[in-house]
N, C-alpha and C. Protein backbone atom coordinates (compact mmCIF):
# COMPACT_ATOMS: atom_id res chain seq x y z
N MET A 1 20.60 -3.67 5.47
CA MET A 1 19.72 -4.13 4.55
C MET A 1 18.27 -4.41 4.56
N LYS A 2 18.11 -4.86 6.22
CA LYS A 2 16.88 -5.40 6.82
C LYS A 2 16.41 -4.80 7.42
N PHE A 3 17.10 -3.16 7.49
CA PHE A 3 16.18 -1.64 8.02
C PHE A 3 15.26 -1.67 7.10
N VAL A 4 16.40 -1.39 5.64
CA VAL A 4 15.50 -0.45 4.49
C VAL A 4 14.84 -1.73 4.09
N GLY A 5 15.03 -3.29 3.74
CA GLY A 5 13.87 -3.77 3.26
C GLY A 5 12.28 -3.92 4.40
N ILE A 6 12.54 -3.13 5.62
CA ILE A 6 11.10 -3.54 6.86
C ILE A 6 10.59 -1.85 6.54
N PHE A 7 11.08 -1.14 6.56
CA PHE A 7 10.73 0.30 6.01
C PHE A 7 9.96 0.44 4.60
N LEU A 8 10.99 -0.56 3.41
CA LEU A 8 10.35 -0.16 2.45
C LEU A 8 8.40 -0.89 2.65
N THR A 9 8.71 -1.99 3.21
CA THR A 9 7.31 -2.77 2.91
C THR A 9 6.12 -1.79 4.16
N PHE A 10 6.80 -1.52 5.32
CA PHE A 10 6.27 -0.63 6.06
C PHE A 10 5.36 0.80 5.23
N THR A 11 6.05 1.03 4.45
CA THR A 11 6.24 2.22 4.28
C THR A 11 4.96 2.27 2.74
N PHE A 12 4.92 0.57 1.81
CA PHE A 12 4.32 0.61 1.10
C PHE A 12 2.67 0.30 1.82
N PHE A 13 2.84 -0.21 2.79
CA PHE A 13 1.59 -0.76 3.05
C PHE A 13 0.45 0.58 4.22
N ALA A 14 1.80 1.06 3.59
CA ALA A 14 0.67 2.38 4.65
C ALA A 14 -0.13 3.31 3.58
N LEU A 15 0.68 3.16 2.58
CA LEU A 15 0.56 4.48 1.45
C LEU A 15 -0.78 3.79 0.63
N PHE A 16 -1.12 2.44 1.17
CA PHE A 16 -1.57 1.19 0.58
C PHE A 16 -2.78 1.52 1.27
N SER A 17 -2.93 1.63 2.62
CA SER A 17 -3.40 1.87 3.57
C SER A 17 -4.74 2.89 3.58
N TYR A 18 -3.85 4.18 3.21
CA TYR A 18 -4.26 5.91 3.06
C TYR A 18 -4.69 5.58 1.25
N MET A 19 -4.38 5.34 0.46
CA MET A 19 -4.89 5.05 -1.01
C MET A 19 -6.79 4.30 -0.72
N LEU A 20 -6.67 3.82 0.06
CA LEU A 20 -7.69 3.59 0.39
C LEU A 20 -9.14 3.85 1.14
N ILE A 21 -8.40 4.45 1.91
CA ILE A 21 -8.95 5.77 2.43
C ILE A 21 -9.83 7.11 1.21
N ASP A 22 -8.55 7.07 0.91
CA ASP A 22 -8.54 8.58 -0.15
C ASP A 22 -10.06 8.57 -1.48
N ILE A 23 -9.64 6.63 -2.05
CA ILE A 23 -10.40 6.58 -2.87
C ILE A 23 -12.02 6.19 -2.50
N GLY A 24 -12.06 5.74 -0.52
CA GLY A 24 -13.28 6.22 -0.26
C GLY A 24 -13.49 4.83 0.12
N LEU A 25 -13.01 3.07 0.30
CA LEU A 25 -12.97 1.96 0.49
C LEU A 25 -13.58 1.78 1.81
N VAL A 26 -12.68 3.08 2.40
CA VAL A 26 -12.21 3.11 4.12
C VAL A 26 -13.04 4.08 4.57
N ARG A 27 -14.12 4.13 5.84
CA ARG A 27 -13.93 5.10 6.29
C ARG A 27 -13.39 5.50 7.79
N LEU A 28 -12.81 6.45 8.07
CA LEU A 28 -12.95 6.33 9.61
C LEU A 28 -13.28 7.00 10.13
N VAL A 29 -14.20 6.31 10.25
CA VAL A 29 -15.46 6.67 11.66
C VAL A 29 -15.69 6.84 13.06
N SER A 30 -14.40 5.85 13.10
CA SER A 30 -14.13 5.62 14.41
C SER A 30 -12.51 4.89 14.85
N ALA A 31 -12.31 5.26 16.27
CA ALA A 31 -10.96 4.74 16.59
C ALA A 31 -10.22 3.15 16.04
N PRO A 32 -11.25 2.49 16.20
CA PRO A 32 -11.33 0.12 15.71
C PRO A 32 -10.88 0.37 14.94
N VAL A 33 -11.46 1.42 13.88
CA VAL A 33 -10.70 0.81 12.15
C VAL A 33 -9.82 1.29 12.27
N VAL A 34 -9.94 2.61 12.38
CA VAL A 34 -7.66 3.18 12.72
C VAL A 34 -6.53 1.59 13.59
N GLU A 35 -7.17 1.46 13.97
CA GLU A 35 -6.54 0.24 14.94
C GLU A 35 -6.62 -0.62 14.38
N ILE A 36 -7.41 -1.31 13.73
CA ILE A 36 -7.79 -2.80 12.65
C ILE A 36 -6.49 -2.41 11.66
N MET A 37 -6.35 -1.27 11.05
CA MET A 37 -5.52 -1.04 9.55
C MET A 37 -4.28 -0.56 10.24
N GLY A 38 -3.47 -0.18 10.62
CA GLY A 38 -2.47 -0.39 11.70
C GLY A 38 -2.63 -2.11 12.12
N LEU A 39 -2.78 -2.69 12.67
CA LEU A 39 -2.36 -3.87 12.63
C LEU A 39 -2.30 -4.64 11.39
N ALA A 40 -3.03 -4.19 10.82
CA ALA A 40 -3.38 -5.01 9.17
C ALA A 40 -1.62 -4.70 8.85
N VAL A 41 -1.45 -3.68 9.08
CA VAL A 41 -0.07 -2.77 8.23
C VAL A 41 0.77 -3.77 8.87
N VAL A 42 0.89 -3.86 10.08
CA VAL A 42 2.38 -4.59 11.49
C VAL A 42 1.97 -6.07 10.61
N ALA A 43 1.14 -6.07 10.77
CA ALA A 43 0.61 -8.08 10.38
C ALA A 43 1.65 -8.30 9.08
N SER A 44 1.77 -7.51 8.15
CA SER A 44 1.76 -7.73 6.57
C SER A 44 3.12 -7.67 6.78
N THR A 45 3.98 -6.24 6.78
CA THR A 45 4.93 -6.72 7.40
C THR A 45 5.89 -7.63 7.73
N LEU A 46 5.24 -8.08 8.57
CA LEU A 46 6.15 -9.49 9.48
C LEU A 46 5.52 -10.48 8.63
N ALA A 47 4.59 -10.27 8.26
CA ALA A 47 4.31 -12.38 6.69
C ALA A 47 5.09 -11.49 6.25
N ILE A 48 5.32 -10.97 5.35
CA ILE A 48 6.38 -10.93 4.89
C ILE A 48 7.68 -10.82 4.56
N GLY A 49 7.96 -10.51 5.97
CA GLY A 49 9.54 -10.97 6.47
C GLY A 49 9.82 -12.12 6.76
N LEU A 50 8.77 -12.66 7.45
CA LEU A 50 8.77 -13.97 7.56
C LEU A 50 9.20 -15.04 6.20
N SER A 51 8.28 -14.75 5.73
CA SER A 51 8.48 -15.77 3.99
C SER A 51 9.29 -15.38 3.00
N PHE A 52 10.09 -14.23 3.18
CA PHE A 52 11.24 -13.81 2.43
C PHE A 52 12.10 -14.58 2.02
N SER A 53 12.79 -14.33 3.07
CA SER A 53 13.91 -15.97 3.22
C SER A 53 14.07 -17.18 2.36
N ALA A 54 12.25 -17.72 2.85
CA ALA A 54 12.32 -18.99 2.19
C ALA A 54 11.90 -18.64 1.34
N ILE A 55 11.07 -18.23 0.48
CA ILE A 55 11.05 -17.77 -0.95
C ILE A 55 12.40 -17.02 -1.88
N ARG A 56 13.10 -16.54 -1.21
CA ARG A 56 14.89 -16.41 -2.12
C ARG A 56 15.72 -17.35 -1.98
N ALA A 57 15.53 -18.27 -0.66
CA ALA A 57 16.30 -19.24 -1.16
C ALA A 57 16.03 -20.37 -1.98
N ARG A 58 14.76 -20.43 -2.09
CA ARG A 58 14.12 -20.88 -3.14
C ARG A 58 14.37 -20.89 -4.76
N LEU A 59 14.07 -19.33 -4.13
CA LEU A 59 14.63 -19.11 -5.64
C LEU A 59 15.59 -18.54 -6.83
N SER A 60 16.42 -18.98 -5.38
CA SER A 60 18.72 -18.47 -5.98
C SER A 60 18.75 -19.73 -5.37
N GLY A 61 18.23 -20.98 -5.28
CA GLY A 61 18.80 -22.40 -5.73
C GLY A 61 19.55 -22.84 -4.43
N GLN A 62 19.75 -22.44 -3.51
CA GLN A 62 20.66 -22.22 -2.14
C GLN A 62 19.74 -23.32 -0.81
N ILE A 63 20.89 -23.81 -0.91
CA ILE A 63 20.21 -25.14 0.37
C ILE A 63 20.11 -25.09 1.79
N ASP A 64 19.41 -24.57 2.04
CA ASP A 64 18.49 -24.85 3.80
C ASP A 64 19.33 -25.97 4.68
N SER A 65 19.90 -25.81 6.25
CA SER A 65 20.66 -26.18 6.37
C SER A 65 18.86 -27.79 7.11
N ASP A 66 17.69 -27.18 7.10
CA ASP A 66 16.55 -27.94 7.08
C ASP A 66 16.67 -29.14 6.12
N ASP A 67 17.48 -28.87 4.94
CA ASP A 67 16.94 -29.48 4.07
C ASP A 67 18.32 -30.70 2.82
N VAL A 68 19.63 -30.11 3.96
CA VAL A 68 20.48 -30.96 3.57
C VAL A 68 19.80 -32.77 3.39
N GLY A 69 19.41 -32.86 4.57
CA GLY A 69 19.71 -34.77 4.54
C GLY A 69 18.30 -35.01 3.57
N ARG A 70 17.63 -34.28 2.95
CA ARG A 70 16.32 -34.98 2.21
C ARG A 70 16.41 -35.50 0.57
């Protein structure tokens, strides 16, 4: 399940980047633009992955091991 989520999140942000290029908001005039967009896709995927477990635990009402004594 983890790889499916990573793949879906990465694909979403890659397609979002392609959409920004297609409608003309971002121009690919040099290599640094492509590098920054790639890094933004990777960073967004990692940020969602790191925060997803905390969001899921809070929505489902699960108790985390760090929250037991509080």
